[in-house]
Amino acid sequence: MEAKIMKWGNSQGIRIPKALLEAARLSVTESVEIVAKNKLLIIKPVKERITIDKLFENWNGEKPEAYDWGEADAPVGREIW
């Protein structure tokens, strides 16, 4: 598929057809990384960075029950003493 690089404000841009976005499983407003390598432009999705707020967005504030790890010096398997 052929496209033309056009002026877009102080930058340049290329319109990406919907079929190409769907084939690449990308969507509008998704963040992408653009890399130039060997005269090629590579466009790939940016992995979502998980923030502490995102990690705890559904946490209700309750602490989990304590876990019994057993005695610190107690043998667990086939330890040789």
PDB file of N, CA and C in Angstrom:
ATOM      1  N   MET A   1       0.848  -1.164   0.000  1.00  0.00           N
ATOM      2  CA  MET A   1       0.000   0.000   0.000  1.00  0.00           C
ATOM      3  C   MET A   1       0.898   1.233   0.000  1.00  0.00           C
ATOM      4  N   GLU A   2       0.586   2.179  -0.821  1.00  0.00           N
ATOM      5  CA  GLU A   2       1.391   3.383  -0.954  1.00  0.00           C
ATOM      6  C   GLU A   2       0.713   4.544  -0.233  1.00  0.00           C
ATOM      7  N   ALA A   3       1.519   5.375   0.409  1.00  0.00           N
ATOM      8  CA  ALA A   3       1.004   6.565   1.094  1.00  0.00           C
ATOM      9  C   ALA A   3       1.987   7.699   0.857  1.00  0.00           C
ATOM     10  N   LYS A   4       1.525   8.912   1.086  1.00  0.00           N
ATOM     11  CA  LYS A   4       2.369  10.087   0.880  1.00  0.00           C
ATOM     12  C   LYS A   4       2.587  10.789   2.220  1.00  0.00           C
ATOM     13  N   ILE A   5       3.825  11.202   2.466  1.00  0.00           N
ATOM     14  CA  ILE A   5       4.141  11.969   3.663  1.00  0.00           C
ATOM     15  C   ILE A   5       3.680  13.402   3.412  1.00  0.00           C
ATOM     16  N   MET A   6       2.870  13.915   4.316  1.00  0.00           N
ATOM     17  CA  MET A   6       2.287  15.252   4.160  1.00  0.00           C
ATOM     18  C   MET A   6       2.710  16.146   5.319  1.00  0.00           C
ATOM     19  N   LYS A   7       2.698  17.446   5.097  1.00  0.00           N
ATOM     20  CA  LYS A   7       2.975  18.432   6.141  1.00  0.00           C
ATOM     21  C   LYS A   7       1.784  18.478   7.094  1.00  0.00           C
ATOM     22  N   TRP A   8       2.072  18.524   8.399  1.00  0.00           N
ATOM     23  CA  TRP A   8       1.030  18.565   9.415  1.00  0.00           C
ATOM     24  C   TRP A   8       1.524  19.502  10.505  1.00  0.00           C
ATOM     25  N   GLY A   9       1.183  20.783  10.405  1.00  0.00           N
ATOM     26  CA  GLY A   9       1.715  21.788  11.320  1.00  0.00           C
ATOM     27  C   GLY A   9       3.208  21.915  11.109  1.00  0.00           C
ATOM     28  N   ASN A  10       3.989  21.836  12.171  1.00  0.00           N
ATOM     29  CA  ASN A  10       5.449  21.880  12.056  1.00  0.00           C
ATOM     30  C   ASN A  10       6.054  20.486  11.893  1.00  0.00           C
ATOM     31  N   SER A  11       5.199  19.478  11.746  1.00  0.00           N
ATOM     32  CA  SER A  11       5.663  18.095  11.598  1.00  0.00           C
ATOM     33  C   SER A  11       5.200  17.538  10.261  1.00  0.00           C
ATOM     34  N   GLN A  12       5.472  16.275  10.050  1.00  0.00           N
ATOM     35  CA  GLN A  12       4.991  15.566   8.881  1.00  0.00           C
ATOM     36  C   GLN A  12       4.206  14.356   9.359  1.00  0.00           C
ATOM     37  N   GLY A  13       3.286  13.884   8.536  1.00  0.00           N
ATOM     38  CA  GLY A  13       2.473  12.757   8.958  1.00  0.00           C
ATOM     39  C   GLY A  13       2.068  11.867   7.803  1.00  0.00           C
ATOM     40  N   ILE A  14       1.660  10.664   8.138  1.00  0.00           N
ATOM     41  CA  ILE A  14       1.142   9.692   7.186  1.00  0.00           C
ATOM     42  C   ILE A  14      -0.187   9.200   7.739  1.00  0.00           C
ATOM     43  N   ARG A  15      -1.212   9.149   6.895  1.00  0.00           N
ATOM     44  CA  ARG A  15      -2.489   8.579   7.317  1.00  0.00           C
ATOM     45  C   ARG A  15      -2.402   7.062   7.191  1.00  0.00           C
ATOM     46  N   ILE A  16      -2.828   6.391   8.229  1.00  0.00           N
ATOM     47  CA  ILE A  16      -2.778   4.930   8.235  1.00  0.00           C
ATOM     48  C   ILE A  16      -4.190   4.403   7.995  1.00  0.00           C
ATOM     49  N   PRO A  17      -4.394   3.655   6.919  1.00  0.00           N
ATOM     50  CA  PRO A  17      -5.726   3.122   6.637  1.00  0.00           C
ATOM     51  C   PRO A  17      -6.223   2.198   7.742  1.00  0.00           C
ATOM     52  N   LYS A  18      -7.528   2.196   7.941  1.00  0.00           N
ATOM     53  CA  LYS A  18      -8.173   1.399   8.976  1.00  0.00           C
ATOM     54  C   LYS A  18      -7.815  -0.080   8.846  1.00  0.00           C
ATOM     55  N   ALA A  19      -7.748  -0.580   7.618  1.00  0.00           N
ATOM     56  CA  ALA A  19      -7.430  -1.996   7.401  1.00  0.00           C
ATOM     57  C   ALA A  19      -6.041  -2.348   7.935  1.00  0.00           C
ATOM     58  N   LEU A  20      -5.085  -1.438   7.790  1.00  0.00           N
ATOM     59  CA  LEU A  20      -3.739  -1.690   8.322  1.00  0.00           C
ATOM     60  C   LEU A  20      -3.729  -1.667   9.852  1.00  0.00           C
ATOM     61  N   LEU A  21      -4.477  -0.726  10.425  1.00  0.00           N
ATOM     62  CA  LEU A  21      -4.570  -0.682  11.890  1.00  0.00           C
ATOM     63  C   LEU A  21      -5.176  -1.974  12.423  1.00  0.00           C
ATOM     64  N   GLU A  22      -6.232  -2.436  11.777  1.00  0.00           N
ATOM     65  CA  GLU A  22      -6.871  -3.678  12.216  1.00  0.00           C
ATOM     66  C   GLU A  22      -5.928  -4.866  12.056  1.00  0.00           C
ATOM     67  N   ALA A  23      -5.198  -4.908  10.940  1.00  0.00           N
ATOM     68  CA  ALA A  23      -4.254  -6.007  10.709  1.00  0.00           C
ATOM     69  C   ALA A  23      -3.144  -6.010  11.765  1.00  0.00           C
ATOM     70  N   ALA A  24      -2.740  -4.824  12.215  1.00  0.00           N
ATOM     71  CA  ALA A  24      -1.688  -4.709  13.234  1.00  0.00           C
ATOM     72  C   ALA A  24      -2.256  -4.770  14.649  1.00  0.00           C
ATOM     73  N   ARG A  25      -3.585  -4.885  14.746  1.00  0.00           N
ATOM     74  CA  ARG A  25      -4.290  -4.892  16.037  1.00  0.00           C
ATOM     75  C   ARG A  25      -3.999  -3.637  16.848  1.00  0.00           C
ATOM     76  N   LEU A  26      -3.989  -2.500  16.158  1.00  0.00           N
ATOM     77  CA  LEU A  26      -3.818  -1.199  16.799  1.00  0.00           C
ATOM     78  C   LEU A  26      -5.123  -0.433  16.692  1.00  0.00           C
ATOM     79  N   SER A  27      -5.329   0.507  17.594  1.00  0.00           N
ATOM     80  CA  SER A  27      -6.565   1.291  17.556  1.00  0.00           C
ATOM     81  C   SER A  27      -6.252   2.781  17.688  1.00  0.00           C
ATOM     82  N   VAL A  28      -7.224   3.586  17.326  1.00  0.00           N
ATOM     83  CA  VAL A  28      -7.095   5.038  17.405  1.00  0.00           C
ATOM     84  C   VAL A  28      -6.852   5.431  18.855  1.00  0.00           C
ATOM     85  N   THR A  29      -6.024   6.396  19.100  1.00  0.00           N
ATOM     86  CA  THR A  29      -5.592   6.934  20.401  1.00  0.00           C
ATOM     87  C   THR A  29      -4.612   6.026  21.145  1.00  0.00           C
ATOM     88  N   GLU A  30      -4.296   4.842  20.599  1.00  0.00           N
ATOM     89  CA  GLU A  30      -3.332   3.967  21.255  1.00  0.00           C
ATOM     90  C   GLU A  30      -1.932   4.556  21.103  1.00  0.00           C
ATOM     91  N   SER A  31      -1.140   4.486  22.152  1.00  0.00           N
ATOM     92  CA  SER A  31       0.232   4.988  22.094  1.00  0.00           C
ATOM     93  C   SER A  31       1.123   3.989  21.373  1.00  0.00           C
ATOM     94  N   VAL A  32       1.958   4.511  20.477  1.00  0.00           N
ATOM     95  CA  VAL A  32       2.894   3.665  19.731  1.00  0.00           C
ATOM     96  C   VAL A  32       4.293   4.254  19.822  1.00  0.00           C
ATOM     97  N   GLU A  33       5.265   3.404  19.618  1.00  0.00           N
ATOM     98  CA  GLU A  33       6.661   3.828  19.543  1.00  0.00           C
ATOM     99  C   GLU A  33       7.074   3.745  18.083  1.00  0.00           C
ATOM    100  N   ILE A  34       7.747   4.772  17.596  1.00  0.00           N
ATOM    101  CA  ILE A  34       8.212   4.784  16.214  1.00  0.00           C
ATOM    102  C   ILE A  34       9.733   4.790  16.230  1.00  0.00           C
ATOM    103  N   VAL A  35      10.326   3.805  15.549  1.00  0.00           N
ATOM    104  CA  VAL A  35      11.770   3.647  15.522  1.00  0.00           C
ATOM    105  C   VAL A  35      12.239   3.654  14.070  1.00  0.00           C
ATOM    106  N   ALA A  36      13.330   4.369  13.794  1.00  0.00           N
ATOM    107  CA  ALA A  36      13.940   4.347  12.467  1.00  0.00           C
ATOM    108  C   ALA A  36      15.111   3.378  12.497  1.00  0.00           C
ATOM    109  N   LYS A  37      15.101   2.395  11.573  1.00  0.00           N
ATOM    110  CA  LYS A  37      16.167   1.396  11.539  1.00  0.00           C
ATOM    111  C   LYS A  37      16.382   0.953  10.085  1.00  0.00           C
ATOM    112  N   ASN A  38      17.597   1.115   9.597  1.00  0.00           N
ATOM    113  CA  ASN A  38      17.942   0.697   8.236  1.00  0.00           C
ATOM    114  C   ASN A  38      16.979   1.267   7.190  1.00  0.00           C
ATOM    115  N   LYS A  39      16.727   2.544   7.253  1.00  0.00           N
ATOM    116  CA  LYS A  39      15.834   3.253   6.333  1.00  0.00           C
ATOM    117  C   LYS A  39      14.389   2.772   6.399  1.00  0.00           C
ATOM    118  N   LEU A  40      13.999   2.160   7.514  1.00  0.00           N
ATOM    119  CA  LEU A  40      12.626   1.722   7.738  1.00  0.00           C
ATOM    120  C   LEU A  40      12.064   2.430   8.956  1.00  0.00           C
ATOM    121  N   LEU A  41      10.784   2.702   8.951  1.00  0.00           N
ATOM    122  CA  LEU A  41      10.090   3.183  10.140  1.00  0.00           C
ATOM    123  C   LEU A  41       9.328   2.005  10.716  1.00  0.00           C
ATOM    124  N   ILE A  42       9.577   1.705  11.963  1.00  0.00           N
ATOM    125  CA  ILE A  42       8.914   0.597  12.645  1.00  0.00           C
ATOM    126  C   ILE A  42       7.972   1.187  13.678  1.00  0.00           C
ATOM    127  N   ILE A  43       6.707   0.826  13.582  1.00  0.00           N
ATOM    128  CA  ILE A  43       5.686   1.323  14.512  1.00  0.00           C
ATOM    129  C   ILE A  43       5.220   0.144  15.348  1.00  0.00           C
ATOM    130  N   LYS A  44       5.348   0.273  16.676  1.00  0.00           N
ATOM    131  CA  LYS A  44       4.911  -0.814  17.543  1.00  0.00           C
ATOM    132  C   LYS A  44       4.203  -0.245  18.766  1.00  0.00           C
ATOM    133  N   PRO A  45       3.262  -1.002  19.326  1.00  0.00           N
ATOM    134  CA  PRO A  45       2.522  -0.501  20.481  1.00  0.00           C
ATOM    135  C   PRO A  45       3.421  -0.330  21.699  1.00  0.00           C
ATOM    136  N   VAL A  46       3.102   0.663  22.495  1.00  0.00           N
ATOM    137  CA  VAL A  46       3.824   0.894  23.743  1.00  0.00           C
ATOM    138  C   VAL A  46       3.166   0.029  24.805  1.00  0.00           C
ATOM    139  N   LYS A  47       3.981  -0.717  25.517  1.00  0.00           N
ATOM    140  CA  LYS A  47       3.432  -1.524  26.601  1.00  0.00           C
ATOM    141  C   LYS A  47       2.899  -0.589  27.675  1.00  0.00           C
ATOM    142  N   GLU A  48       1.717  -0.906  28.162  1.00  0.00           N
ATOM    143  CA  GLU A  48       1.108  -0.063  29.191  1.00  0.00           C
ATOM    144  C   GLU A  48       1.930  -0.131  30.469  1.00  0.00           C
ATOM    145  N   ARG A  49       2.245   1.028  30.998  1.00  0.00           N
ATOM    146  CA  ARG A  49       2.968   1.089  32.267  1.00  0.00           C
ATOM    147  C   ARG A  49       1.939   1.085  33.384  1.00  0.00           C
ATOM    148  N   ILE A  50       2.089   0.159  34.279  1.00  0.00           N
ATOM    149  CA  ILE A  50       1.132   0.042  35.375  1.00  0.00           C
ATOM    150  C   ILE A  50       1.583   0.940  36.516  1.00  0.00           C
ATOM    151  N   THR A  51       0.734   1.883  36.858  1.00  0.00           N
ATOM    152  CA  THR A  51       1.033   2.795  37.965  1.00  0.00           C
ATOM    153  C   THR A  51       0.525   2.182  39.261  1.00  0.00           C
ATOM    154  N   ILE A  52       0.981   2.695  40.363  1.00  0.00           N
ATOM    155  CA  ILE A  52       0.521   2.209  41.663  1.00  0.00           C
ATOM    156  C   ILE A  52      -0.983   2.458  41.818  1.00  0.00           C
ATOM    157  N   ASP A  53      -1.470   3.580  41.262  1.00  0.00           N
ATOM    158  CA  ASP A  53      -2.904   3.862  41.314  1.00  0.00           C
ATOM    159  C   ASP A  53      -3.695   2.824  40.535  1.00  0.00           C
ATOM    160  N   LYS A  54      -3.206   2.454  39.357  1.00  0.00           N
ATOM    161  CA  LYS A  54      -3.868   1.442  38.530  1.00  0.00           C
ATOM    162  C   LYS A  54      -3.839   0.085  39.233  1.00  0.00           C
ATOM    163  N   LEU A  55      -2.719  -0.234  39.855  1.00  0.00           N
ATOM    164  CA  LEU A  55      -2.559  -1.508  40.540  1.00  0.00           C
ATOM    165  C   LEU A  55      -3.561  -1.674  41.684  1.00  0.00           C
ATOM    166  N   PHE A  56      -3.834  -0.583  42.385  1.00  0.00           N
ATOM    167  CA  PHE A  56      -4.713  -0.655  43.548  1.00  0.00           C
ATOM    168  C   PHE A  56      -6.093  -0.040  43.322  1.00  0.00           C
ATOM    169  N   GLU A  57      -6.499   0.189  42.080  1.00  0.00           N
ATOM    170  CA  GLU A  57      -7.764   0.872  41.819  1.00  0.00           C
ATOM    171  C   GLU A  57      -8.985   0.123  42.355  1.00  0.00           C
ATOM    172  N   ASN A  58      -8.938  -1.192  42.449  1.00  0.00           N
ATOM    173  CA  ASN A  58     -10.083  -1.968  42.937  1.00  0.00           C
ATOM    174  C   ASN A  58      -9.909  -2.462  44.370  1.00  0.00           C
ATOM    175  N   TRP A  59      -8.848  -2.024  45.036  1.00  0.00           N
ATOM    176  CA  TRP A  59      -8.590  -2.478  46.404  1.00  0.00           C
ATOM    177  C   TRP A  59      -9.518  -1.759  47.351  1.00  0.00           C
ATOM    178  N   ASN A  60     -10.156  -2.510  48.224  1.00  0.00           N
ATOM    179  CA  ASN A  60     -11.117  -1.931  49.165  1.00  0.00           C
ATOM    180  C   ASN A  60     -10.494  -1.501  50.487  1.00  0.00           C
ATOM    181  N   GLY A  61      -9.203  -1.632  50.643  1.00  0.00           N
ATOM    182  CA  GLY A  61      -8.525  -1.195  51.858  1.00  0.00           C
ATOM    183  C   GLY A  61      -8.338  -2.283  52.890  1.00  0.00           C
ATOM    184  N   GLU A  62      -8.956  -3.449  52.671  1.00  0.00           N
ATOM    185  CA  GLU A  62      -8.818  -4.541  53.632  1.00  0.00           C
ATOM    186  C   GLU A  62      -7.488  -5.266  53.428  1.00  0.00           C
ATOM    187  N   LYS A  63      -6.867  -5.628  54.547  1.00  0.00           N
ATOM    188  CA  LYS A  63      -5.616  -6.370  54.484  1.00  0.00           C
ATOM    189  C   LYS A  63      -5.945  -7.864  54.367  1.00  0.00           C
ATOM    190  N   PRO A  64      -5.142  -8.617  53.624  1.00  0.00           N
ATOM    191  CA  PRO A  64      -5.384 -10.062  53.532  1.00  0.00           C
ATOM    192  C   PRO A  64      -5.087 -10.729  54.861  1.00  0.00           C
ATOM    193  N   GLU A  65      -5.638 -11.924  55.049  1.00  0.00           N
ATOM    194  CA  GLU A  65      -5.378 -12.671  56.284  1.00  0.00           C
ATOM    195  C   GLU A  65      -3.891 -12.999  56.376  1.00  0.00           C
ATOM    196  N   ALA A  66      -3.401 -13.095  57.603  1.00  0.00           N
ATOM    197  CA  ALA A  66      -1.995 -13.437  57.810  1.00  0.00           C
ATOM    198  C   ALA A  66      -1.747 -14.858  57.334  1.00  0.00           C
ATOM    199  N   TYR A  67      -0.585 -15.112  56.793  1.00  0.00           N
ATOM    200  CA  TYR A  67      -0.220 -16.439  56.320  1.00  0.00           C
ATOM    201  C   TYR A  67       0.758 -17.060  57.299  1.00  0.00           C
ATOM    202  N   ASP A  68       0.526 -18.310  57.678  1.00  0.00           N
ATOM    203  CA  ASP A  68       1.412 -19.013  58.601  1.00  0.00           C
ATOM    204  C   ASP A  68       2.536 -19.661  57.816  1.00  0.00           C
ATOM    205  N   TRP A  69       3.738 -19.124  57.938  1.00  0.00           N
ATOM    206  CA  TRP A  69       4.893 -19.652  57.225  1.00  0.00           C
ATOM    207  C   TRP A  69       5.566 -20.777  58.004  1.00  0.00           C
ATOM    208  N   GLY A  70       5.076 -21.100  59.183  1.00  0.00           N
ATOM    209  CA  GLY A  70       5.662 -22.158  60.002  1.00  0.00           C
ATOM    210  C   GLY A  70       6.848 -21.629  60.784  1.00  0.00           C
ATOM    211  N   GLU A  71       7.513 -22.547  61.469  1.00  0.00           N
ATOM    212  CA  GLU A  71       8.671 -22.163  62.262  1.00  0.00           C
ATOM    213  C   GLU A  71       9.872 -21.939  61.349  1.00  0.00           C
ATOM    214  N   ALA A  72      10.685 -20.964  61.695  1.00  0.00           N
ATOM    215  CA  ALA A  72      11.815 -20.600  60.847  1.00  0.00           C
ATOM    216  C   ALA A  72      12.841 -21.721  60.734  1.00  0.00           C
ATOM    217  N   ASP A  73      13.060 -22.495  61.821  1.00  0.00           N
ATOM    218  CA  ASP A  73      14.099 -23.531  61.807  1.00  0.00           C
ATOM    219  C   ASP A  73      13.556 -24.924  61.557  1.00  0.00           C
ATOM    220  N   ALA A  74      12.276 -25.070  61.345  1.00  0.00           N
ATOM    221  CA  ALA A  74      11.695 -26.399  61.164  1.00  0.00           C
ATOM    222  C   ALA A  74      12.048 -26.968  59.786  1.00  0.00           C
ATOM    223  N   PRO A  75      12.511 -28.227  59.734  1.00  0.00           N
ATOM    224  CA  PRO A  75      12.820 -28.845  58.445  1.00  0.00           C
ATOM    225  C   PRO A  75      11.537 -29.016  57.621  1.00  0.00           C
ATOM    226  N   VAL A  76      11.666 -28.865  56.327  1.00  0.00           N
ATOM    227  CA  VAL A  76      10.504 -28.922  55.450  1.00  0.00           C
ATOM    228  C   VAL A  76      10.557 -30.143  54.538  1.00  0.00           C
ATOM    229  N   GLY A  77      11.743 -30.470  54.067  1.00  0.00           N
ATOM    230  CA  GLY A  77      11.879 -31.568  53.112  1.00  0.00           C
ATOM    231  C   GLY A  77      12.880 -32.584  53.612  1.00  0.00           C
ATOM    232  N   ARG A  78      13.879 -32.867  52.800  1.00  0.00           N
ATOM    233  CA  ARG A  78      14.883 -33.871  53.150  1.00  0.00           C
ATOM    234  C   ARG A  78      16.199 -33.245  53.610  1.00  0.00           C
ATOM    235  N   GLU A  79      16.087 -32.190  54.385  1.00  0.00           N
ATOM    236  CA  GLU A  79      17.297 -31.530  54.852  1.00  0.00           C
ATOM    237  C   GLU A  79      18.123 -32.467  55.743  1.00  0.00           C
ATOM    238  N   ILE A  80      19.412 -32.376  55.623  1.00  0.00           N
ATOM    239  CA  ILE A  80      20.308 -33.155  56.465  1.00  0.00           C
ATOM    240  C   ILE A  80      20.842 -32.221  57.544  1.00  0.00           C
ATOM    241  N   TRP A  81      20.632 -32.603  58.783  1.00  0.00           N
ATOM    242  CA  TRP A  81      21.082 -31.766  59.903  1.00  0.00           C
ATOM    243  C   TRP A  81      22.318 -32.302  60.467  1.00  0.00           C
TER     244      TRP A  81
END
